[in-house]
């Protein structure tokens, strides 16, 4: 391929090549393209199929991804859809060792699932929404709150503004106004300390040499996560479509 092509153009060219060789056509959602800074129109599915009359747009399972069970569980998503989860496992282990209640251990295990499986920006808000039908209300609140509280130190629990944020965002970075407004509301909430505990056990959980297995939390998940009988994504909950989006992220419509 031409070295002068942008990353997005290379991806589109690769998709066109795949469409010629395979029996399905992948058209990425607009969000993917915008993340590449690409505001151009999406590839024309009809034109791609015209070049390969046997091809169809992808409406079922994506053969490029590991197959999901018919009734997927939270653990199945950790195994087959989420990215590396070492940080979350360490965070949950740190909370467990500190004798936090089980539901808070679960909150630490789940606080970044949007980052590793769905959307990075505003991941605490997205993550809270993903699990809301299945966990205690306090867990949902704490996951949402950690998105905000991580930007604000709290000397009472020994939480300082992370040096990694200064390195990543710059010393002059200030949270967006909506984050500052949420902090004012959350600071006096009855569950403030629950959200704060996620930030405390978050910051100490980046040891590349620590080994924690998901199976260590099977019982915690079983007792505190209301796994739908139909499987995540198929229980007609208000967030089922979000879980289906992770099962089939390239579904055409």
C-alpha atoms as a PDB file:
ATOM      1  CA  UNK A   1       0.000   0.000   0.000  1.00  0.00           C
ATOM      2  CA  UNK A   2       1.023   3.578  -0.577  1.00  0.00           C
ATOM      3  CA  UNK A   3       3.017   4.860   2.415  1.00  0.00           C
ATOM      4  CA  UNK A   4       1.378   8.272   1.987  1.00  0.00           C
ATOM      5  CA  UNK A   5      -2.042   6.850   2.809  1.00  0.00           C
ATOM      6  CA  UNK A   6      -3.512   7.788   6.164  1.00  0.00           C
ATOM      7  CA  UNK A   7      -4.158   5.110   8.764  1.00  0.00           C
ATOM      8  CA  UNK A   8      -7.878   5.350   8.065  1.00  0.00           C
ATOM      9  CA  UNK A   9      -7.333   5.066   4.299  1.00  0.00           C
ATOM     10  CA  UNK A  10      -5.159   2.011   4.831  1.00  0.00           C
ATOM     11  CA  UNK A  11      -7.879   0.444   6.959  1.00  0.00           C
ATOM     12  CA  UNK A  12     -10.501   1.164   4.283  1.00  0.00           C
ATOM     13  CA  UNK A  13      -8.248  -0.295   1.591  1.00  0.00           C
ATOM     14  CA  UNK A  14      -7.717  -3.390   3.707  1.00  0.00           C
ATOM     15  CA  UNK A  15     -11.461  -3.719   4.221  1.00  0.00           C
ATOM     16  CA  UNK A  16     -12.024  -3.457   0.462  1.00  0.00           C
ATOM     17  CA  UNK A  17      -9.388  -6.138  -0.130  1.00  0.00           C
ATOM     18  CA  UNK A  18     -11.036  -8.367   2.461  1.00  0.00           C
ATOM     19  CA  UNK A  19     -14.428  -7.799   0.890  1.00  0.00           C
ATOM     20  CA  UNK A  20     -13.084  -9.026  -2.444  1.00  0.00           C
ATOM     21  CA  UNK A  21     -11.627 -12.124  -0.807  1.00  0.00           C
ATOM     22  CA  UNK A  22     -14.331 -12.949   1.730  1.00  0.00           C
ATOM     23  CA  UNK A  23     -18.078 -13.357   1.610  1.00  0.00           C
ATOM     24  CA  UNK A  24     -18.866 -10.462   3.908  1.00  0.00           C
ATOM     25  CA  UNK A  25     -18.409  -6.688   3.857  1.00  0.00           C
ATOM     26  CA  UNK A  26     -17.404  -4.768   6.986  1.00  0.00           C
ATOM     27  CA  UNK A  27     -18.567  -1.150   7.238  1.00  0.00           C
ATOM     28  CA  UNK A  28     -17.357   0.495  10.441  1.00  0.00           C
ATOM     29  CA  UNK A  29     -19.636   2.678  12.550  1.00  0.00           C
ATOM     30  CA  UNK A  30     -19.101   6.426  12.240  1.00  0.00           C
ATOM     31  CA  UNK A  31     -17.634   6.592  15.733  1.00  0.00           C
ATOM     32  CA  UNK A  32     -14.683   4.429  14.695  1.00  0.00           C
ATOM     33  CA  UNK A  33     -13.888   6.669  11.734  1.00  0.00           C
ATOM     34  CA  UNK A  34     -14.148   9.889  13.728  1.00  0.00           C
ATOM     35  CA  UNK A  35     -11.718   8.466  16.273  1.00  0.00           C
ATOM     36  CA  UNK A  36      -9.237   8.326  13.400  1.00  0.00           C
ATOM     37  CA  UNK A  37      -9.982  11.934  12.502  1.00  0.00           C
ATOM     38  CA  UNK A  38     -11.695  10.706   9.341  1.00  0.00           C
ATOM     39  CA  UNK A  39     -14.765  12.715   8.328  1.00  0.00           C
ATOM     40  CA  UNK A  40     -15.069  11.189   4.871  1.00  0.00           C
ATOM     41  CA  UNK A  41     -18.165   9.189   3.843  1.00  0.00           C
ATOM     42  CA  UNK A  42     -18.310   5.541   4.827  1.00  0.00           C
ATOM     43  CA  UNK A  43     -17.325   2.989   2.170  1.00  0.00           C
ATOM     44  CA  UNK A  44     -20.198   2.252  -0.195  1.00  0.00           C
ATOM     45  CA  UNK A  45     -21.459  -1.204   0.689  1.00  0.00           C
ATOM     46  CA  UNK A  46     -23.314  -1.560  -2.595  1.00  0.00           C
ATOM     47  CA  UNK A  47     -20.192  -0.768  -4.602  1.00  0.00           C
ATOM     48  CA  UNK A  48     -18.130  -3.248  -2.597  1.00  0.00           C
ATOM     49  CA  UNK A  49     -20.721  -5.970  -3.097  1.00  0.00           C
ATOM     50  CA  UNK A  50     -20.834  -5.201  -6.816  1.00  0.00           C
ATOM     51  CA  UNK A  51     -17.148  -6.089  -7.009  1.00  0.00           C
ATOM     52  CA  UNK A  52     -17.866  -9.363  -5.212  1.00  0.00           C
ATOM     53  CA  UNK A  53     -21.425 -10.512  -5.984  1.00  0.00           C
ATOM     54  CA  UNK A  54     -21.172 -13.271  -3.376  1.00  0.00           C
ATOM     55  CA  UNK A  55     -20.462 -10.831  -0.539  1.00  0.00           C
ATOM     56  CA  UNK A  56     -23.016  -9.495   1.911  1.00  0.00           C
ATOM     57  CA  UNK A  57     -22.819  -6.915   4.689  1.00  0.00           C
ATOM     58  CA  UNK A  58     -22.110  -8.371   8.106  1.00  0.00           C
ATOM     59  CA  UNK A  59     -25.376  -8.875   9.990  1.00  0.00           C
ATOM     60  CA  UNK A  60     -24.496 -11.838  12.182  1.00  0.00           C
ATOM     61  CA  UNK A  61     -21.509 -12.997  14.171  1.00  0.00           C
ATOM     62  CA  UNK A  62     -18.151 -11.645  13.094  1.00  0.00           C
ATOM     63  CA  UNK A  63     -15.916 -14.568  12.007  1.00  0.00           C
ATOM     64  CA  UNK A  64     -12.836 -12.495  12.882  1.00  0.00           C
ATOM     65  CA  UNK A  65     -13.753 -12.538  16.587  1.00  0.00           C
ATOM     66  CA  UNK A  66     -13.964 -15.389  19.095  1.00  0.00           C
ATOM     67  CA  UNK A  67     -17.473 -16.876  19.132  1.00  0.00           C
ATOM     68  CA  UNK A  68     -19.637 -16.000  22.119  1.00  0.00           C
ATOM     69  CA  UNK A  69     -21.827 -18.497  23.974  1.00  0.00           C
ATOM     70  CA  UNK A  70     -25.532 -18.429  23.198  1.00  0.00           C
ATOM     71  CA  UNK A  71     -26.266 -16.949  26.637  1.00  0.00           C
ATOM     72  CA  UNK A  72     -23.131 -14.965  27.465  1.00  0.00           C
ATOM     73  CA  UNK A  73     -22.198 -14.226  31.056  1.00  0.00           C
ATOM     74  CA  UNK A  74     -20.078 -11.439  32.485  1.00  0.00           C
ATOM     75  CA  UNK A  75     -17.159 -13.853  32.686  1.00  0.00           C
ATOM     76  CA  UNK A  76     -17.636 -14.699  28.997  1.00  0.00           C
ATOM     77  CA  UNK A  77     -17.223 -11.013  28.139  1.00  0.00           C
ATOM     78  CA  UNK A  78     -14.004 -10.883  30.157  1.00  0.00           C
ATOM     79  CA  UNK A  79     -12.742 -13.924  28.252  1.00  0.00           C
ATOM     80  CA  UNK A  80     -13.914 -13.226  24.702  1.00  0.00           C
ATOM     81  CA  UNK A  81     -14.512  -9.497  24.284  1.00  0.00           C
ATOM     82  CA  UNK A  82     -12.778  -7.343  26.868  1.00  0.00           C
ATOM     83  CA  UNK A  83      -9.179  -6.334  26.343  1.00  0.00           C
ATOM     84  CA  UNK A  84      -6.428  -7.046  28.902  1.00  0.00           C
ATOM     85  CA  UNK A  85      -7.990  -6.881  32.366  1.00  0.00           C
ATOM     86  CA  UNK A  86      -4.924  -7.118  34.619  1.00  0.00           C
ATOM     87  CA  UNK A  87      -5.525  -3.642  36.034  1.00  0.00           C
ATOM     88  CA  UNK A  88      -9.128  -4.427  36.983  1.00  0.00           C
ATOM     89  CA  UNK A  89      -8.149  -7.755  38.521  1.00  0.00           C
ATOM     90  CA  UNK A  90      -5.429  -6.074  40.562  1.00  0.00           C
ATOM     91  CA  UNK A  91      -7.822  -3.346  41.672  1.00  0.00           C
ATOM     92  CA  UNK A  92     -10.370  -5.903  42.850  1.00  0.00           C
ATOM     93  CA  UNK A  93      -7.664  -7.915  44.630  1.00  0.00           C
ATOM     94  CA  UNK A  94      -6.404  -4.776  46.339  1.00  0.00           C
ATOM     95  CA  UNK A  95      -9.939  -4.004  47.527  1.00  0.00           C
ATOM     96  CA  UNK A  96     -10.427  -7.596  48.695  1.00  0.00           C
ATOM     97  CA  UNK A  97      -7.195  -7.530  50.685  1.00  0.00           C
ATOM     98  CA  UNK A  98      -8.354  -4.274  52.305  1.00  0.00           C
ATOM     99  CA  UNK A  99     -11.513  -6.074  53.524  1.00  0.00           C
ATOM    100  CA  UNK A 100     -13.900  -3.928  51.512  1.00  0.00           C
ATOM    101  CA  UNK A 101     -17.461  -5.281  51.220  1.00  0.00           C
ATOM    102  CA  UNK A 102     -17.950  -7.728  48.374  1.00  0.00           C
ATOM    103  CA  UNK A 103     -20.056  -5.318  46.367  1.00  0.00           C
ATOM    104  CA  UNK A 104     -17.181  -2.835  46.446  1.00  0.00           C
ATOM    105  CA  UNK A 105     -14.757  -5.537  45.336  1.00  0.00           C
ATOM    106  CA  UNK A 106     -17.122  -6.050  42.396  1.00  0.00           C
ATOM    107  CA  UNK A 107     -17.206  -2.297  41.768  1.00  0.00           C
ATOM    108  CA  UNK A 108     -13.398  -2.268  41.555  1.00  0.00           C
ATOM    109  CA  UNK A 109     -13.496  -5.265  39.209  1.00  0.00           C
ATOM    110  CA  UNK A 110     -15.949  -3.507  36.879  1.00  0.00           C
ATOM    111  CA  UNK A 111     -15.004   0.162  37.119  1.00  0.00           C
ATOM    112  CA  UNK A 112     -13.119   0.288  33.794  1.00  0.00           C
ATOM    113  CA  UNK A 113     -15.016  -2.267  31.719  1.00  0.00           C
ATOM    114  CA  UNK A 114     -16.070   0.428  29.272  1.00  0.00           C
ATOM    115  CA  UNK A 115     -12.411   1.265  28.673  1.00  0.00           C
ATOM    116  CA  UNK A 116     -11.465  -2.340  27.917  1.00  0.00           C
ATOM    117  CA  UNK A 117     -14.625  -3.298  26.049  1.00  0.00           C
ATOM    118  CA  UNK A 118     -16.683  -0.376  24.808  1.00  0.00           C
ATOM    119  CA  UNK A 119     -15.773   3.342  24.845  1.00  0.00           C
ATOM    120  CA  UNK A 120     -12.849   5.115  26.533  1.00  0.00           C
ATOM    121  CA  UNK A 121     -14.173   8.661  26.846  1.00  0.00           C
ATOM    122  CA  UNK A 122     -16.432   9.147  29.900  1.00  0.00           C
ATOM    123  CA  UNK A 123     -15.839   5.476  30.637  1.00  0.00           C
ATOM    124  CA  UNK A 124     -17.166   5.706  34.197  1.00  0.00           C
ATOM    125  CA  UNK A 125     -20.535   6.953  32.971  1.00  0.00           C
ATOM    126  CA  UNK A 126     -20.700   4.299  30.254  1.00  0.00           C
ATOM    127  CA  UNK A 127     -19.525   1.531  32.569  1.00  0.00           C
ATOM    128  CA  UNK A 128     -22.101   2.405  35.218  1.00  0.00           C
ATOM    129  CA  UNK A 129     -24.850   2.321  32.615  1.00  0.00           C
ATOM    130  CA  UNK A 130     -23.692  -1.068  31.313  1.00  0.00           C
ATOM    131  CA  UNK A 131     -24.016  -2.775  34.687  1.00  0.00           C
ATOM    132  CA  UNK A 132     -26.884  -0.797  36.227  1.00  0.00           C
ATOM    133  CA  UNK A 133     -29.612  -3.456  35.815  1.00  0.00           C
ATOM    134  CA  UNK A 134     -27.429  -6.150  37.325  1.00  0.00           C
ATOM    135  CA  UNK A 135     -25.757  -4.721  40.418  1.00  0.00           C
ATOM    136  CA  UNK A 136     -26.576  -2.918  43.642  1.00  0.00           C
ATOM    137  CA  UNK A 137     -27.428   0.752  43.164  1.00  0.00           C
ATOM    138  CA  UNK A 138     -24.419   1.751  45.246  1.00  0.00           C
ATOM    139  CA  UNK A 139     -22.096  -0.108  42.872  1.00  0.00           C
ATOM    140  CA  UNK A 140     -23.524   1.746  39.884  1.00  0.00           C
ATOM    141  CA  UNK A 141     -23.152   5.074  41.673  1.00  0.00           C
ATOM    142  CA  UNK A 142     -19.562   4.334  42.696  1.00  0.00           C
ATOM    143  CA  UNK A 143     -18.490   3.330  39.176  1.00  0.00           C
ATOM    144  CA  UNK A 144     -20.034   6.499  37.748  1.00  0.00           C
ATOM    145  CA  UNK A 145     -18.463   8.614  40.509  1.00  0.00           C
ATOM    146  CA  UNK A 146     -14.925   7.298  40.065  1.00  0.00           C
ATOM    147  CA  UNK A 147     -14.909   8.928  36.619  1.00  0.00           C
ATOM    148  CA  UNK A 148     -15.134  12.275  38.396  1.00  0.00           C
ATOM    149  CA  UNK A 149     -13.462  11.729  41.768  1.00  0.00           C
ATOM    150  CA  UNK A 150     -10.169  10.515  40.284  1.00  0.00           C
ATOM    151  CA  UNK A 151      -9.421  14.127  39.266  1.00  0.00           C
ATOM    152  CA  UNK A 152      -9.745  15.430  42.831  1.00  0.00           C
ATOM    153  CA  UNK A 153      -7.400  14.555  45.739  1.00  0.00           C
ATOM    154  CA  UNK A 154      -8.700  13.553  49.153  1.00  0.00           C
ATOM    155  CA  UNK A 155      -6.139  13.726  51.948  1.00  0.00           C
ATOM    156  CA  UNK A 156      -8.456  11.905  54.363  1.00  0.00           C
ATOM    157  CA  UNK A 157      -7.841   8.636  52.513  1.00  0.00           C
ATOM    158  CA  UNK A 158      -4.375   9.414  51.177  1.00  0.00           C
ATOM    159  CA  UNK A 159      -5.485   9.938  47.590  1.00  0.00           C
ATOM    160  CA  UNK A 160      -3.332  12.394  45.632  1.00  0.00           C
ATOM    161  CA  UNK A 161      -3.839  13.590  42.083  1.00  0.00           C
ATOM    162  CA  UNK A 162      -2.023  10.908  40.064  1.00  0.00           C
ATOM    163  CA  UNK A 163       1.379  11.755  38.630  1.00  0.00           C
ATOM    164  CA  UNK A 164       0.407   9.660  35.619  1.00  0.00           C
ATOM    165  CA  UNK A 165      -2.347  12.195  34.856  1.00  0.00           C
ATOM    166  CA  UNK A 166       0.168  15.027  34.888  1.00  0.00           C
ATOM    167  CA  UNK A 167       2.356  12.990  32.529  1.00  0.00           C
ATOM    168  CA  UNK A 168      -0.542  12.105  30.245  1.00  0.00           C
ATOM    169  CA  UNK A 169      -2.719  15.237  30.275  1.00  0.00           C
ATOM    170  CA  UNK A 170      -0.183  17.929  31.114  1.00  0.00           C
ATOM    171  CA  UNK A 171       0.256  19.986  34.277  1.00  0.00           C
ATOM    172  CA  UNK A 172      -2.215  22.626  33.050  1.00  0.00           C
ATOM    173  CA  UNK A 173      -5.088  20.212  32.417  1.00  0.00           C
ATOM    174  CA  UNK A 174      -8.364  20.992  34.171  1.00  0.00           C
ATOM    175  CA  UNK A 175     -11.440  18.733  34.106  1.00  0.00           C
ATOM    176  CA  UNK A 176     -14.351  19.787  31.909  1.00  0.00           C
ATOM    177  CA  UNK A 177     -17.020  21.940  33.571  1.00  0.00           C
ATOM    178  CA  UNK A 178     -19.554  19.084  33.670  1.00  0.00           C
ATOM    179  CA  UNK A 179     -17.019  17.031  35.635  1.00  0.00           C
ATOM    180  CA  UNK A 180     -16.461  19.878  38.102  1.00  0.00           C
ATOM    181  CA  UNK A 181     -20.226  20.239  38.555  1.00  0.00           C
ATOM    182  CA  UNK A 182     -20.623  16.515  39.155  1.00  0.00           C
ATOM    183  CA  UNK A 183     -17.828  16.656  41.742  1.00  0.00           C
ATOM    184  CA  UNK A 184     -19.731  19.297  43.712  1.00  0.00           C
ATOM    185  CA  UNK A 185     -22.782  17.044  43.800  1.00  0.00           C
ATOM    186  CA  UNK A 186     -20.877  13.857  44.540  1.00  0.00           C
ATOM    187  CA  UNK A 187     -18.701  15.302  47.291  1.00  0.00           C
ATOM    188  CA  UNK A 188     -21.651  15.441  49.700  1.00  0.00           C
ATOM    189  CA  UNK A 189     -23.436  12.286  48.562  1.00  0.00           C
ATOM    190  CA  UNK A 190     -24.090   9.470  51.020  1.00  0.00           C
ATOM    191  CA  UNK A 191     -22.055   7.104  48.834  1.00  0.00           C
ATOM    192  CA  UNK A 192     -19.158   9.473  48.263  1.00  0.00           C
ATOM    193  CA  UNK A 193     -16.708   7.191  50.032  1.00  0.00           C
ATOM    194  CA  UNK A 194     -17.763   4.216  47.908  1.00  0.00           C
ATOM    195  CA  UNK A 195     -16.790   6.072  44.749  1.00  0.00           C
ATOM    196  CA  UNK A 196     -13.658   7.317  46.461  1.00  0.00           C
ATOM    197  CA  UNK A 197     -12.636   3.768  47.382  1.00  0.00           C
ATOM    198  CA  UNK A 198     -12.538   2.863  43.692  1.00  0.00           C
ATOM    199  CA  UNK A 199     -10.031   5.663  43.088  1.00  0.00           C
ATOM    200  CA  UNK A 200      -7.951   4.540  46.081  1.00  0.00           C
ATOM    201  CA  UNK A 201      -7.769   0.931  44.941  1.00  0.00           C
ATOM    202  CA  UNK A 202      -7.432   2.046  41.319  1.00  0.00           C
ATOM    203  CA  UNK A 203      -4.216   3.987  41.776  1.00  0.00           C
ATOM    204  CA  UNK A 204      -2.290   1.126  43.392  1.00  0.00           C
ATOM    205  CA  UNK A 205      -3.208  -1.459  40.775  1.00  0.00           C
ATOM    206  CA  UNK A 206      -0.705  -1.023  37.959  1.00  0.00           C
ATOM    207  CA  UNK A 207       1.906  -3.640  38.918  1.00  0.00           C
ATOM    208  CA  UNK A 208       3.041  -5.365  35.695  1.00  0.00           C
ATOM    209  CA  UNK A 209       4.386  -8.302  37.692  1.00  0.00           C
ATOM    210  CA  UNK A 210       1.266  -9.027  39.739  1.00  0.00           C
ATOM    211  CA  UNK A 211      -0.725 -12.071  38.632  1.00  0.00           C
ATOM    212  CA  UNK A 212      -4.410 -12.192  39.539  1.00  0.00           C
ATOM    213  CA  UNK A 213      -6.844 -14.618  37.907  1.00  0.00           C
ATOM    214  CA  UNK A 214     -10.460 -13.836  37.045  1.00  0.00           C
ATOM    215  CA  UNK A 215     -11.523 -17.119  38.642  1.00  0.00           C
ATOM    216  CA  UNK A 216     -10.595 -15.685  42.046  1.00  0.00           C
ATOM    217  CA  UNK A 217     -13.704 -13.517  41.788  1.00  0.00           C
ATOM    218  CA  UNK A 218     -16.177 -16.091  40.479  1.00  0.00           C
ATOM    219  CA  UNK A 219     -17.994 -16.281  43.823  1.00  0.00           C
ATOM    220  CA  UNK A 220     -18.031 -12.487  44.238  1.00  0.00           C
ATOM    221  CA  UNK A 221     -19.563 -12.153  40.776  1.00  0.00           C
ATOM    222  CA  UNK A 222     -22.037 -14.946  41.479  1.00  0.00           C
ATOM    223  CA  UNK A 223     -23.281 -13.347  44.667  1.00  0.00           C
ATOM    224  CA  UNK A 224     -23.310  -9.725  43.529  1.00  0.00           C
ATOM    225  CA  UNK A 225     -23.932  -9.644  39.772  1.00  0.00           C
ATOM    226  CA  UNK A 226     -27.459 -10.552  38.674  1.00  0.00           C
ATOM    227  CA  UNK A 227     -26.660 -12.554  35.574  1.00  0.00           C
ATOM    228  CA  UNK A 228     -29.741 -12.596  33.305  1.00  0.00           C
ATOM    229  CA  UNK A 229     -30.984 -16.061  32.432  1.00  0.00           C
ATOM    230  CA  UNK A 230     -31.227 -15.132  28.731  1.00  0.00           C
ATOM    231  CA  UNK A 231     -27.620 -13.922  28.641  1.00  0.00           C
ATOM    232  CA  UNK A 232     -26.187 -10.415  28.622  1.00  0.00           C
ATOM    233  CA  UNK A 233     -27.479  -8.679  25.513  1.00  0.00           C
ATOM    234  CA  UNK A 234     -30.626 -10.775  25.197  1.00  0.00           C
ATOM    235  CA  UNK A 235     -32.593  -9.994  28.368  1.00  0.00           C
ATOM    236  CA  UNK A 236     -34.545  -6.991  27.025  1.00  0.00           C
ATOM    237  CA  UNK A 237     -32.969  -4.725  29.631  1.00  0.00           C
ATOM    238  CA  UNK A 238     -32.476  -1.004  28.854  1.00  0.00           C
ATOM    239  CA  UNK A 239     -28.785  -1.728  28.203  1.00  0.00           C
ATOM    240  CA  UNK A 240     -29.054  -5.042  26.337  1.00  0.00           C
ATOM    241  CA  UNK A 241     -28.215  -3.335  23.043  1.00  0.00           C
ATOM    242  CA  UNK A 242     -24.931  -2.075  24.512  1.00  0.00           C
ATOM    243  CA  UNK A 243     -23.837  -5.617  25.351  1.00  0.00           C
ATOM    244  CA  UNK A 244     -24.929  -6.777  21.877  1.00  0.00           C
ATOM    245  CA  UNK A 245     -22.763  -4.015  20.391  1.00  0.00           C
ATOM    246  CA  UNK A 246     -19.762  -5.661  22.035  1.00  0.00           C
ATOM    247  CA  UNK A 247     -20.814  -9.097  20.815  1.00  0.00           C
ATOM    248  CA  UNK A 248     -21.168  -7.855  17.213  1.00  0.00           C
ATOM    249  CA  UNK A 249     -19.232  -4.554  16.983  1.00  0.00           C
ATOM    250  CA  UNK A 250     -19.216  -4.546  13.166  1.00  0.00           C
ATOM    251  CA  UNK A 251     -22.889  -5.368  12.625  1.00  0.00           C
ATOM    252  CA  UNK A 252     -24.113  -3.317   9.679  1.00  0.00           C
ATOM    253  CA  UNK A 253     -27.520  -2.292  11.067  1.00  0.00           C
END
